Amino acid sequence: MDMSKYAGSESKYLKADDLKGTTPTVVIEDVATIEFEKDDGGKQVKVRLKLRGKEKELVISPTQTAKLIDRYGADSDEWKGQSIILDTEFYPKFNTKGIVLTALSNSDDPSDPIPF
């Protein structure tokens, strides 16, 4: 596949390398979907998060979407204003790093007593 169309342009989407080894806590400002063209010419729809105070948006996988649904519910309006922690993970199958998230809730405050 000719990759030259991807060279020299800055992505508007957050990549693992953009985190530079940090694990920032960010707030979800808005949620939408975005359609990508697949290599086979088909279309793929993914969830896109606008992060408060951040220029780049985060496109998340179905697994990461499921984490947000599990924590905040299926209504994406409920995700707005919620905090998430971003980190990276290496995926040997794809030989690349990707962004993973941890969905926080008010009960995730480290000063809270252990709940059991």
PDB file of N, CA and C in Angstrom:
ATOM      1  N   MET A   1       0.842  -1.170   0.000  1.00  0.00           N
ATOM      2  CA  MET A   1       0.000   0.000   0.000  1.00  0.00           C
ATOM      3  C   MET A   1       0.893   1.240   0.000  1.00  0.00           C
ATOM      4  N   ASP A   2       0.570   2.207  -0.813  1.00  0.00           N
ATOM      5  CA  ASP A   2       1.315   3.466  -0.885  1.00  0.00           C
ATOM      6  C   ASP A   2       0.992   4.306   0.342  1.00  0.00           C
ATOM      7  N   MET A   3       1.980   4.528   1.179  1.00  0.00           N
ATOM      8  CA  MET A   3       1.780   5.267   2.429  1.00  0.00           C
ATOM      9  C   MET A   3       2.165   6.737   2.301  1.00  0.00           C
ATOM     10  N   SER A   4       2.563   7.184   1.130  1.00  0.00           N
ATOM     11  CA  SER A   4       3.046   8.550   0.971  1.00  0.00           C
ATOM     12  C   SER A   4       2.008   9.598   1.323  1.00  0.00           C
ATOM     13  N   LYS A   5       0.723   9.266   1.194  1.00  0.00           N
ATOM     14  CA  LYS A   5      -0.309  10.248   1.527  1.00  0.00           C
ATOM     15  C   LYS A   5      -0.369  10.538   3.027  1.00  0.00           C
ATOM     16  N   TYR A   6       0.259   9.675   3.832  1.00  0.00           N
ATOM     17  CA  TYR A   6       0.255   9.864   5.282  1.00  0.00           C
ATOM     18  C   TYR A   6       1.507  10.579   5.789  1.00  0.00           C
ATOM     19  N   ALA A   7       2.482  10.774   4.928  1.00  0.00           N
ATOM     20  CA  ALA A   7       3.749  11.382   5.347  1.00  0.00           C
ATOM     21  C   ALA A   7       3.621  12.896   5.437  1.00  0.00           C
ATOM     22  N   GLY A   8       4.267  13.461   6.430  1.00  0.00           N
ATOM     23  CA  GLY A   8       4.371  14.911   6.525  1.00  0.00           C
ATOM     24  C   GLY A   8       3.154  15.630   7.049  1.00  0.00           C
ATOM     25  N   SER A   9       2.158  14.906   7.489  1.00  0.00           N
ATOM     26  CA  SER A   9       0.989  15.605   8.026  1.00  0.00           C
ATOM     27  C   SER A   9       0.814  15.249   9.498  1.00  0.00           C
ATOM     28  N   GLU A  10       0.513  16.230  10.272  1.00  0.00           N
ATOM     29  CA  GLU A  10       0.275  16.051  11.700  1.00  0.00           C
ATOM     30  C   GLU A  10      -1.156  15.558  11.889  1.00  0.00           C
ATOM     31  N   SER A  11      -1.315  14.499  12.623  1.00  0.00           N
ATOM     32  CA  SER A  11      -2.638  13.943  12.861  1.00  0.00           C
ATOM     33  C   SER A  11      -3.410  14.807  13.855  1.00  0.00           C
ATOM     34  N   LYS A  12      -4.701  14.935  13.642  1.00  0.00           N
ATOM     35  CA  LYS A  12      -5.546  15.648  14.600  1.00  0.00           C
ATOM     36  C   LYS A  12      -6.041  14.709  15.696  1.00  0.00           C
ATOM     37  N   TYR A  13      -5.624  13.431  15.593  1.00  0.00           N
ATOM     38  CA  TYR A  13      -6.022  12.439  16.582  1.00  0.00           C
ATOM     39  C   TYR A  13      -4.836  12.063  17.463  1.00  0.00           C
ATOM     40  N   LEU A  14      -5.103  11.841  18.714  1.00  0.00           N
ATOM     41  CA  LEU A  14      -4.092  11.506  19.698  1.00  0.00           C
ATOM     42  C   LEU A  14      -3.516  10.124  19.402  1.00  0.00           C
ATOM     43  N   LYS A  15      -2.207  10.028  19.444  1.00  0.00           N
ATOM     44  CA  LYS A  15      -1.481   8.774  19.239  1.00  0.00           C
ATOM     45  C   LYS A  15      -0.702   8.435  20.507  1.00  0.00           C
ATOM     46  N   ALA A  16      -0.323   7.172  20.650  1.00  0.00           N
ATOM     47  CA  ALA A  16       0.413   6.723  21.834  1.00  0.00           C
ATOM     48  C   ALA A  16       1.682   7.537  22.051  1.00  0.00           C
ATOM     49  N   ASP A  17       2.399   7.838  20.992  1.00  0.00           N
ATOM     50  CA  ASP A  17       3.645   8.605  21.123  1.00  0.00           C
ATOM     51  C   ASP A  17       3.410  10.017  21.642  1.00  0.00           C
ATOM     52  N   ASP A  18       2.219  10.567  21.424  1.00  0.00           N
ATOM     53  CA  ASP A  18       1.901  11.912  21.921  1.00  0.00           C
ATOM     54  C   ASP A  18       1.917  11.983  23.445  1.00  0.00           C
ATOM     55  N   LEU A  19       1.692  10.856  24.109  1.00  0.00           N
ATOM     56  CA  LEU A  19       1.674  10.853  25.575  1.00  0.00           C
ATOM     57  C   LEU A  19       3.074  10.946  26.164  1.00  0.00           C
ATOM     58  N   LYS A  20       4.094  10.621  25.369  1.00  0.00           N
ATOM     59  CA  LYS A  20       5.503  10.744  25.781  1.00  0.00           C
ATOM     60  C   LYS A  20       5.785  10.086  27.139  1.00  0.00           C
ATOM     61  N   GLY A  21       5.202   8.907  27.337  1.00  0.00           N
ATOM     62  CA  GLY A  21       5.462   8.150  28.553  1.00  0.00           C
ATOM     63  C   GLY A  21       4.685   8.600  29.774  1.00  0.00           C
ATOM     64  N   THR A  22       3.807   9.590  29.640  1.00  0.00           N
ATOM     65  CA  THR A  22       3.011  10.064  30.767  1.00  0.00           C
ATOM     66  C   THR A  22       1.685   9.319  30.831  1.00  0.00           C
ATOM     67  N   THR A  23       1.002   9.426  31.956  1.00  0.00           N
ATOM     68  CA  THR A  23      -0.334   8.850  32.122  1.00  0.00           C
ATOM     69  C   THR A  23      -1.279   9.946  32.620  1.00  0.00           C
ATOM     70  N   PRO A  24      -1.664  10.841  31.723  1.00  0.00           N
ATOM     71  CA  PRO A  24      -2.487  11.976  32.148  1.00  0.00           C
ATOM     72  C   PRO A  24      -3.928  11.585  32.471  1.00  0.00           C
ATOM     73  N   THR A  25      -4.503  12.322  33.397  1.00  0.00           N
ATOM     74  CA  THR A  25      -5.936  12.238  33.665  1.00  0.00           C
ATOM     75  C   THR A  25      -6.581  13.382  32.901  1.00  0.00           C
ATOM     76  N   VAL A  26      -7.555  13.055  32.071  1.00  0.00           N
ATOM     77  CA  VAL A  26      -8.225  14.042  31.232  1.00  0.00           C
ATOM     78  C   VAL A  26      -9.730  13.938  31.433  1.00  0.00           C
ATOM     79  N   VAL A  27     -10.446  14.970  30.991  1.00  0.00           N
ATOM     80  CA  VAL A  27     -11.903  15.012  31.136  1.00  0.00           C
ATOM     81  C   VAL A  27     -12.535  14.955  29.752  1.00  0.00           C
ATOM     82  N   ILE A  28     -13.543  14.115  29.615  1.00  0.00           N
ATOM     83  CA  ILE A  28     -14.278  14.009  28.355  1.00  0.00           C
ATOM     84  C   ILE A  28     -15.182  15.228  28.215  1.00  0.00           C
ATOM     85  N   GLU A  29     -14.977  15.964  27.129  1.00  0.00           N
ATOM     86  CA  GLU A  29     -15.786  17.153  26.870  1.00  0.00           C
ATOM     87  C   GLU A  29     -16.953  16.855  25.932  1.00  0.00           C
ATOM     88  N   ASP A  30     -16.715  16.014  24.932  1.00  0.00           N
ATOM     89  CA  ASP A  30     -17.756  15.697  23.967  1.00  0.00           C
ATOM     90  C   ASP A  30     -17.497  14.312  23.383  1.00  0.00           C
ATOM     91  N   VAL A  31     -18.552  13.691  22.876  1.00  0.00           N
ATOM     92  CA  VAL A  31     -18.468  12.354  22.300  1.00  0.00           C
ATOM     93  C   VAL A  31     -19.181  12.371  20.949  1.00  0.00           C
ATOM     94  N   ALA A  32     -18.565  11.765  19.950  1.00  0.00           N
ATOM     95  CA  ALA A  32     -19.172  11.655  18.624  1.00  0.00           C
ATOM     96  C   ALA A  32     -18.643  10.384  17.975  1.00  0.00           C
ATOM     97  N   THR A  33     -19.083  10.126  16.765  1.00  0.00           N
ATOM     98  CA  THR A  33     -18.537   9.010  16.003  1.00  0.00           C
ATOM     99  C   THR A  33     -17.850   9.564  14.760  1.00  0.00           C
ATOM    100  N   ILE A  34     -16.967   8.759  14.227  1.00  0.00           N
ATOM    101  CA  ILE A  34     -16.250   9.135  13.008  1.00  0.00           C
ATOM    102  C   ILE A  34     -16.152   7.895  12.127  1.00  0.00           C
ATOM    103  N   GLU A  35     -16.251   8.105  10.838  1.00  0.00           N
ATOM    104  CA  GLU A  35     -16.190   7.004   9.886  1.00  0.00           C
ATOM    105  C   GLU A  35     -14.826   6.997   9.200  1.00  0.00           C
ATOM    106  N   PHE A  36     -14.208   5.827   9.184  1.00  0.00           N
ATOM    107  CA  PHE A  36     -12.921   5.632   8.526  1.00  0.00           C
ATOM    108  C   PHE A  36     -13.089   4.680   7.362  1.00  0.00           C
ATOM    109  N   GLU A  37     -12.280   4.866   6.345  1.00  0.00           N
ATOM    110  CA  GLU A  37     -12.254   3.931   5.228  1.00  0.00           C
ATOM    111  C   GLU A  37     -11.263   2.825   5.560  1.00  0.00           C
ATOM    112  N   LYS A  38     -11.704   1.597   5.420  1.00  0.00           N
ATOM    113  CA  LYS A  38     -10.848   0.447   5.672  1.00  0.00           C
ATOM    114  C   LYS A  38     -10.022   0.140   4.428  1.00  0.00           C
ATOM    115  N   ASP A  39      -8.970  -0.646   4.598  1.00  0.00           N
ATOM    116  CA  ASP A  39      -8.090  -1.015   3.488  1.00  0.00           C
ATOM    117  C   ASP A  39      -8.849  -1.705   2.355  1.00  0.00           C
ATOM    118  N   ASP A  40      -9.913  -2.436   2.713  1.00  0.00           N
ATOM    119  CA  ASP A  40     -10.676  -3.161   1.691  1.00  0.00           C
ATOM    120  C   ASP A  40     -11.738  -2.284   1.016  1.00  0.00           C
ATOM    121  N   GLY A  41     -11.741  -0.989   1.347  1.00  0.00           N
ATOM    122  CA  GLY A  41     -12.699  -0.067   0.740  1.00  0.00           C
ATOM    123  C   GLY A  41     -13.982   0.090   1.532  1.00  0.00           C
ATOM    124  N   GLY A  42     -14.177  -0.766   2.540  1.00  0.00           N
ATOM    125  CA  GLY A  42     -15.364  -0.659   3.385  1.00  0.00           C
ATOM    126  C   GLY A  42     -15.237   0.497   4.360  1.00  0.00           C
ATOM    127  N   LYS A  43     -16.247   0.671   5.172  1.00  0.00           N
ATOM    128  CA  LYS A  43     -16.276   1.741   6.163  1.00  0.00           C
ATOM    129  C   LYS A  43     -16.285   1.149   7.564  1.00  0.00           C
ATOM    130  N   GLN A  44     -15.684   1.869   8.491  1.00  0.00           N
ATOM    131  CA  GLN A  44     -15.668   1.475   9.894  1.00  0.00           C
ATOM    132  C   GLN A  44     -15.993   2.703  10.727  1.00  0.00           C
ATOM    133  N   VAL A  45     -16.926   2.570  11.655  1.00  0.00           N
ATOM    134  CA  VAL A  45     -17.312   3.679  12.525  1.00  0.00           C
ATOM    135  C   VAL A  45     -16.691   3.449  13.899  1.00  0.00           C
ATOM    136  N   LYS A  46     -16.046   4.489  14.437  1.00  0.00           N
ATOM    137  CA  LYS A  46     -15.445   4.422  15.770  1.00  0.00           C
ATOM    138  C   LYS A  46     -15.914   5.611  16.594  1.00  0.00           C
ATOM    139  N   VAL A  47     -15.713   5.497  17.893  1.00  0.00           N
ATOM    140  CA  VAL A  47     -16.071   6.569  18.821  1.00  0.00           C
ATOM    141  C   VAL A  47     -14.903   7.539  18.927  1.00  0.00           C
ATOM    142  N   ARG A  48     -15.246   8.831  18.934  1.00  0.00           N
ATOM    143  CA  ARG A  48     -14.245   9.900  19.023  1.00  0.00           C
ATOM    144  C   ARG A  48     -14.555  10.736  20.266  1.00  0.00           C
ATOM    145  N   LEU A  49     -13.525  10.954  21.092  1.00  0.00           N
ATOM    146  CA  LEU A  49     -13.675  11.754  22.305  1.00  0.00           C
ATOM    147  C   LEU A  49     -12.955  13.084  22.147  1.00  0.00           C
ATOM    148  N   LYS A  50     -13.633  14.155  22.427  1.00  0.00           N
ATOM    149  CA  LYS A  50     -13.008  15.482  22.544  1.00  0.00           C
ATOM    150  C   LYS A  50     -12.658  15.622  24.016  1.00  0.00           C
ATOM    151  N   LEU A  51     -11.391  15.938  24.290  1.00  0.00           N
ATOM    152  CA  LEU A  51     -10.906  16.034  25.668  1.00  0.00           C
ATOM    153  C   LEU A  51     -10.769  17.501  26.059  1.00  0.00           C
ATOM    154  N   ARG A  52     -11.267  17.834  27.225  1.00  0.00           N
ATOM    155  CA  ARG A  52     -11.262  19.227  27.685  1.00  0.00           C
ATOM    156  C   ARG A  52      -9.853  19.800  27.683  1.00  0.00           C
ATOM    157  N   GLY A  53      -9.703  20.945  27.007  1.00  0.00           N
ATOM    158  CA  GLY A  53      -8.432  21.658  26.987  1.00  0.00           C
ATOM    159  C   GLY A  53      -7.380  21.047  26.084  1.00  0.00           C
ATOM    160  N   LYS A  54      -7.734  20.026  25.304  1.00  0.00           N
ATOM    161  CA  LYS A  54      -6.768  19.350  24.437  1.00  0.00           C
ATOM    162  C   LYS A  54      -7.124  19.592  22.977  1.00  0.00           C
ATOM    163  N   GLU A  55      -6.098  19.810  22.175  1.00  0.00           N
ATOM    164  CA  GLU A  55      -6.309  20.068  20.756  1.00  0.00           C
ATOM    165  C   GLU A  55      -6.654  18.798  19.990  1.00  0.00           C
ATOM    166  N   LYS A  56      -5.943  17.711  20.288  1.00  0.00           N
ATOM    167  CA  LYS A  56      -6.168  16.453  19.574  1.00  0.00           C
ATOM    168  C   LYS A  56      -7.325  15.675  20.205  1.00  0.00           C
ATOM    169  N   GLU A  57      -8.059  14.979  19.345  1.00  0.00           N
ATOM    170  CA  GLU A  57      -9.155  14.134  19.788  1.00  0.00           C
ATOM    171  C   GLU A  57      -8.667  12.695  19.893  1.00  0.00           C
ATOM    172  N   LEU A  58      -9.381  11.895  20.666  1.00  0.00           N
ATOM    173  CA  LEU A  58      -9.008  10.505  20.890  1.00  0.00           C
ATOM    174  C   LEU A  58     -10.034   9.590  20.239  1.00  0.00           C
ATOM    175  N   VAL A  59      -9.580   8.771  19.296  1.00  0.00           N
ATOM    176  CA  VAL A  59     -10.430   7.752  18.677  1.00  0.00           C
ATOM    177  C   VAL A  59     -10.198   6.468  19.458  1.00  0.00           C
ATOM    178  N   ILE A  60     -11.283   5.848  19.926  1.00  0.00           N
ATOM    179  CA  ILE A  60     -11.131   4.673  20.788  1.00  0.00           C
ATOM    180  C   ILE A  60     -11.680   3.415  20.114  1.00  0.00           C
ATOM    181  N   SER A  61     -11.137   2.300  20.553  1.00  0.00           N
ATOM    182  CA  SER A  61     -11.511   0.989  20.032  1.00  0.00           C
ATOM    183  C   SER A  61     -12.833   0.526  20.647  1.00  0.00           C
ATOM    184  N   PRO A  62     -13.415  -0.523  20.083  1.00  0.00           N
ATOM    185  CA  PRO A  62     -14.616  -1.093  20.700  1.00  0.00           C
ATOM    186  C   PRO A  62     -14.377  -1.553  22.140  1.00  0.00           C
ATOM    187  N   THR A  63     -13.189  -2.055  22.432  1.00  0.00           N
ATOM    188  CA  THR A  63     -12.867  -2.484  23.806  1.00  0.00           C
ATOM    189  C   THR A  63     -12.865  -1.292  24.756  1.00  0.00           C
ATOM    190  N   GLN A  64     -12.248  -0.179  24.329  1.00  0.00           N
ATOM    191  CA  GLN A  64     -12.219   1.019  25.164  1.00  0.00           C
ATOM    192  C   GLN A  64     -13.636   1.603  25.308  1.00  0.00           C
ATOM    193  N   THR A  65     -14.427   1.528  24.243  1.00  0.00           N
ATOM    194  CA  THR A  65     -15.819   1.982  24.299  1.00  0.00           C
ATOM    195  C   THR A  65     -16.595   1.159  25.326  1.00  0.00           C
ATOM    196  N   ALA A  66     -16.372  -0.150  25.337  1.00  0.00           N
ATOM    197  CA  ALA A  66     -17.046  -1.025  26.292  1.00  0.00           C
ATOM    198  C   ALA A  66     -16.680  -0.661  27.735  1.00  0.00           C
ATOM    199  N   LYS A  67     -15.430  -0.258  27.965  1.00  0.00           N
ATOM    200  CA  LYS A  67     -15.024   0.185  29.303  1.00  0.00           C
ATOM    201  C   LYS A  67     -15.824   1.403  29.744  1.00  0.00           C
ATOM    202  N   LEU A  68     -16.009   2.349  28.829  1.00  0.00           N
ATOM    203  CA  LEU A  68     -16.771   3.556  29.171  1.00  0.00           C
ATOM    204  C   LEU A  68     -18.243   3.221  29.399  1.00  0.00           C
ATOM    205  N   ILE A  69     -18.800   2.331  28.593  1.00  0.00           N
ATOM    206  CA  ILE A  69     -20.193   1.909  28.789  1.00  0.00           C
ATOM    207  C   ILE A  69     -20.353   1.229  30.136  1.00  0.00           C
ATOM    208  N   ASP A  70     -19.406   0.364  30.491  1.00  0.00           N
ATOM    209  CA  ASP A  70     -19.457  -0.354  31.764  1.00  0.00           C
ATOM    210  C   ASP A  70     -19.453   0.610  32.950  1.00  0.00           C
ATOM    211  N   ARG A  71     -18.661   1.681  32.844  1.00  0.00           N
ATOM    212  CA  ARG A  71     -18.520   2.623  33.962  1.00  0.00           C
ATOM    213  C   ARG A  71     -19.613   3.689  33.981  1.00  0.00           C
ATOM    214  N   TYR A  72     -19.937   4.240  32.810  1.00  0.00           N
ATOM    215  CA  TYR A  72     -20.819   5.414  32.757  1.00  0.00           C
ATOM    216  C   TYR A  72     -22.177   5.163  32.111  1.00  0.00           C
ATOM    217  N   GLY A  73     -22.380   3.978  31.526  1.00  0.00           N
ATOM    218  CA  GLY A  73     -23.642   3.668  30.867  1.00  0.00           C
ATOM    219  C   GLY A  73     -23.541   3.862  29.361  1.00  0.00           C
ATOM    220  N   ALA A  74     -24.572   3.388  28.652  1.00  0.00           N
ATOM    221  CA  ALA A  74     -24.562   3.408  27.190  1.00  0.00           C
ATOM    222  C   ALA A  74     -24.855   4.779  26.599  1.00  0.00           C
ATOM    223  N   ASP A  75     -25.438   5.693  27.371  1.00  0.00           N
ATOM    224  CA  ASP A  75     -25.758   7.036  26.878  1.00  0.00           C
ATOM    225  C   ASP A  75     -24.501   7.900  26.929  1.00  0.00           C
ATOM    226  N   SER A  76     -23.987   8.260  25.765  1.00  0.00           N
ATOM    227  CA  SER A  76     -22.724   9.008  25.717  1.00  0.00           C
ATOM    228  C   SER A  76     -22.831  10.388  26.359  1.00  0.00           C
ATOM    229  N   ASP A  77     -24.031  10.918  26.507  1.00  0.00           N
ATOM    230  CA  ASP A  77     -24.186  12.200  27.214  1.00  0.00           C
ATOM    231  C   ASP A  77     -23.723  12.082  28.668  1.00  0.00           C
ATOM    232  N   GLU A  78     -23.824  10.887  29.221  1.00  0.00           N
ATOM    233  CA  GLU A  78     -23.386  10.651  30.604  1.00  0.00           C
ATOM    234  C   GLU A  78     -21.869  10.589  30.724  1.00  0.00           C
ATOM    235  N   TRP A  79     -21.175  10.461  29.611  1.00  0.00           N
ATOM    236  CA  TRP A  79     -19.715  10.407  29.629  1.00  0.00           C
ATOM    237  C   TRP A  79     -19.110  11.795  29.752  1.00  0.00           C
ATOM    238  N   LYS A  80     -19.841  12.800  29.318  1.00  0.00           N
ATOM    239  CA  LYS A  80     -19.320  14.173  29.325  1.00  0.00           C
ATOM    240  C   LYS A  80     -19.061  14.626  30.758  1.00  0.00           C
ATOM    241  N   GLY A  81     -17.872  15.187  30.967  1.00  0.00           N
ATOM    242  CA  GLY A  81     -17.477  15.638  32.298  1.00  0.00           C
ATOM    243  C   GLY A  81     -16.806  14.566  33.135  1.00  0.00           C
ATOM    244  N   GLN A  82     -16.742  13.338  32.621  1.00  0.00           N
ATOM    245  CA  GLN A  82     -16.111  12.242  33.356  1.00  0.00           C
ATOM    246  C   GLN A  82     -14.600  12.240  33.107  1.00  0.00           C
ATOM    247  N   SER A  83     -13.859  11.802  34.114  1.00  0.00           N
ATOM    248  CA  SER A  83     -12.399  11.742  34.021  1.00  0.00           C
ATOM    249  C   SER A  83     -11.944  10.347  33.612  1.00  0.00           C
ATOM    250  N   ILE A  84     -10.921  10.312  32.768  1.00  0.00           N
ATOM    251  CA  ILE A  84     -10.297   9.057  32.374  1.00  0.00           C
ATOM    252  C   ILE A  84      -8.777   9.217  32.458  1.00  0.00           C
ATOM    253  N   ILE A  85      -8.099   8.120  32.711  1.00  0.00           N
ATOM    254  CA  ILE A  85      -6.638   8.105  32.705  1.00  0.00           C
ATOM    255  C   ILE A  85      -6.196   7.475  31.394  1.00  0.00           C
ATOM    256  N   LEU A  86      -5.269   8.122  30.708  1.00  0.00           N
ATOM    257  CA  LEU A  86      -4.719   7.597  29.463  1.00  0.00           C
ATOM    258  C   LEU A  86      -3.363   6.967  29.722  1.00  0.00           C
ATOM    259  N   ASP A  87      -3.114   5.861  29.081  1.00  0.00           N
ATOM    260  CA  ASP A  87      -1.835   5.167  29.181  1.00  0.00           C
ATOM    261  C   ASP A  87      -1.578   4.499  27.831  1.00  0.00           C
ATOM    262  N   THR A  88      -0.428   3.879  27.700  1.00  0.00           N
ATOM    263  CA  THR A  88      -0.113   3.164  26.464  1.00  0.00           C
ATOM    264  C   THR A  88       0.154   1.703  26.763  1.00  0.00           C
ATOM    265  N   GLU A  89      -0.041   0.893  25.736  1.00  0.00           N
ATOM    266  CA  GLU A  89       0.224  -0.535  25.829  1.00  0.00           C
ATOM    267  C   GLU A  89       0.776  -0.985  24.482  1.00  0.00           C
ATOM    268  N   PHE A  90       1.757  -1.892  24.527  1.00  0.00           N
ATOM    269  CA  PHE A  90       2.317  -2.434  23.292  1.00  0.00           C
ATOM    270  C   PHE A  90       1.505  -3.648  22.868  1.00  0.00           C
ATOM    271  N   TYR A  91       1.133  -3.677  21.584  1.00  0.00           N
ATOM    272  CA  TYR A  91       0.365  -4.781  21.022  1.00  0.00           C
ATOM    273  C   TYR A  91       1.255  -5.556  20.050  1.00  0.00           C
ATOM    274  N   PRO A  92       1.809  -6.703  20.498  1.00  0.00           N
ATOM    275  CA  PRO A  92       2.730  -7.470  19.643  1.00  0.00           C
ATOM    276  C   PRO A  92       2.103  -7.896  18.314  1.00  0.00           C
ATOM    277  N   LYS A  93       0.819  -8.208  18.320  1.00  0.00           N
ATOM    278  CA  LYS A  93       0.138  -8.642  17.091  1.00  0.00           C
ATOM    279  C   LYS A  93       0.256  -7.594  15.992  1.00  0.00           C
ATOM    280  N   PHE A  94       0.208  -6.318  16.387  1.00  0.00           N
ATOM    281  CA  PHE A  94       0.275  -5.223  15.418  1.00  0.00           C
ATOM    282  C   PHE A  94       1.639  -4.530  15.410  1.00  0.00           C
ATOM    283  N   ASN A  95       2.531  -4.960  16.331  1.00  0.00           N
ATOM    284  CA  ASN A  95       3.867  -4.388  16.469  1.00  0.00           C
ATOM    285  C   ASN A  95       3.813  -2.865  16.655  1.00  0.00           C
ATOM    286  N   THR A  96       2.912  -2.416  17.507  1.00  0.00           N
ATOM    287  CA  THR A  96       2.762  -0.981  17.748  1.00  0.00           C
ATOM    288  C   THR A  96       2.187  -0.733  19.139  1.00  0.00           C
ATOM    289  N   LYS A  97       2.348   0.495  19.595  1.00  0.00           N
ATOM    290  CA  LYS A  97       1.747   0.912  20.855  1.00  0.00           C
ATOM    291  C   LYS A  97       0.395   1.546  20.558  1.00  0.00           C
ATOM    292  N   GLY A  98      -0.515   1.395  21.507  1.00  0.00           N
ATOM    293  CA  GLY A  98      -1.820   2.029  21.410  1.00  0.00           C
ATOM    294  C   GLY A  98      -2.172   2.674  22.729  1.00  0.00           C
ATOM    295  N   ILE A  99      -3.175   3.519  22.700  1.00  0.00           N
ATOM    296  CA  ILE A  99      -3.646   4.172  23.915  1.00  0.00           C
ATOM    297  C   ILE A  99      -4.725   3.315  24.563  1.00  0.00           C
ATOM    298  N   VAL A 100      -4.608   3.140  25.859  1.00  0.00           N
ATOM    299  CA  VAL A 100      -5.641   2.475  26.654  1.00  0.00           C
ATOM    300  C   VAL A 100      -6.147   3.478  27.675  1.00  0.00           C
ATOM    301  N   LEU A 101      -7.364   3.272  28.138  1.00  0.00           N
ATOM    302  CA  LEU A 101      -7.904   4.202  29.118  1.00  0.00           C
ATOM    303  C   LEU A 101      -8.448   3.465  30.321  1.00  0.00           C
ATOM    304  N   THR A 102      -8.471   4.182  31.416  1.00  0.00           N
ATOM    305  CA  THR A 102      -9.111   3.725  32.638  1.00  0.00           C
ATOM    306  C   THR A 102     -10.188   4.741  32.964  1.00  0.00           C
ATOM    307  N   ALA A 103     -11.420   4.270  33.066  1.00  0.00           N
ATOM    308  CA  ALA A 103     -12.545   5.149  33.380  1.00  0.00           C
ATOM    309  C   ALA A 103     -12.637   5.313  34.893  1.00  0.00           C
ATOM    310  N   LEU A 104     -12.644   6.559  35.335  1.00  0.00           N
ATOM    311  CA  LEU A 104     -12.710   6.856  36.759  1.00  0.00           C
ATOM    312  C   LEU A 104     -14.140   7.190  37.167  1.00  0.00           C
ATOM    313  N   SER A 105     -14.381   7.117  38.452  1.00  0.00           N
ATOM    314  CA  SER A 105     -15.648   7.596  39.010  1.00  0.00           C
ATOM    315  C   SER A 105     -15.328   8.332  40.296  1.00  0.00           C
ATOM    316  N   ASN A 106     -16.312   8.975  40.866  1.00  0.00           N
ATOM    317  CA  ASN A 106     -16.084   9.719  42.107  1.00  0.00           C
ATOM    318  C   ASN A 106     -15.553   8.817  43.209  1.00  0.00           C
ATOM    319  N   SER A 107     -15.901   7.535  43.172  1.00  0.00           N
ATOM    320  CA  SER A 107     -15.439   6.620  44.219  1.00  0.00           C
ATOM    321  C   SER A 107     -13.999   6.178  44.012  1.00  0.00           C
ATOM    322  N   ASP A 108     -13.373   6.606  42.903  1.00  0.00           N
ATOM    323  CA  ASP A 108     -11.974   6.235  42.633  1.00  0.00           C
ATOM    324  C   ASP A 108     -10.987   7.168  43.327  1.00  0.00           C
ATOM    325  N   ASP A 109     -11.465   8.080  44.133  1.00  0.00           N
ATOM    326  CA  ASP A 109     -10.588   8.978  44.867  1.00  0.00           C
ATOM    327  C   ASP A 109      -9.703   8.151  45.786  1.00  0.00           C
ATOM    328  N   PRO A 110      -8.373   8.254  45.654  1.00  0.00           N
ATOM    329  CA  PRO A 110      -7.488   7.430  46.464  1.00  0.00           C
ATOM    330  C   PRO A 110      -7.619   7.671  47.962  1.00  0.00           C
ATOM    331  N   SER A 111      -8.214   8.783  48.361  1.00  0.00           N
ATOM    332  CA  SER A 111      -8.379   9.044  49.781  1.00  0.00           C
ATOM    333  C   SER A 111      -9.589   8.328  50.360  1.00  0.00           C
ATOM    334  N   ASP A 112     -10.436   7.736  49.483  1.00  0.00           N
ATOM    335  CA  ASP A 112     -11.592   6.997  49.974  1.00  0.00           C
ATOM    336  C   ASP A 112     -11.131   5.743  50.690  1.00  0.00           C
ATOM    337  N   PRO A 113     -11.870   5.347  51.749  1.00  0.00           N
ATOM    338  CA  PRO A 113     -11.510   4.090  52.407  1.00  0.00           C
ATOM    339  C   PRO A 113     -11.756   2.901  51.476  1.00  0.00           C
ATOM    340  N   ILE A 114     -11.044   1.824  51.732  1.00  0.00           N
ATOM    341  CA  ILE A 114     -11.230   0.606  50.935  1.00  0.00           C
ATOM    342  C   ILE A 114     -12.660   0.120  51.142  1.00  0.00           C
ATOM    343  N   PRO A 115     -13.392  -0.187  50.033  1.00  0.00           N
ATOM    344  CA  PRO A 115     -14.828  -0.486  50.144  1.00  0.00           C
ATOM    345  C   PRO A 115     -15.180  -1.892  50.602  1.00  0.00           C
ATOM    346  N   PHE A 116     -14.242  -2.643  51.179  1.00  0.00           N
ATOM    347  CA  PHE A 116     -14.613  -3.983  51.661  1.00  0.00           C
ATOM    348  C   PHE A 116     -13.980  -4.272  52.986  1.00  0.00           C
TER     349      PHE A 116
END
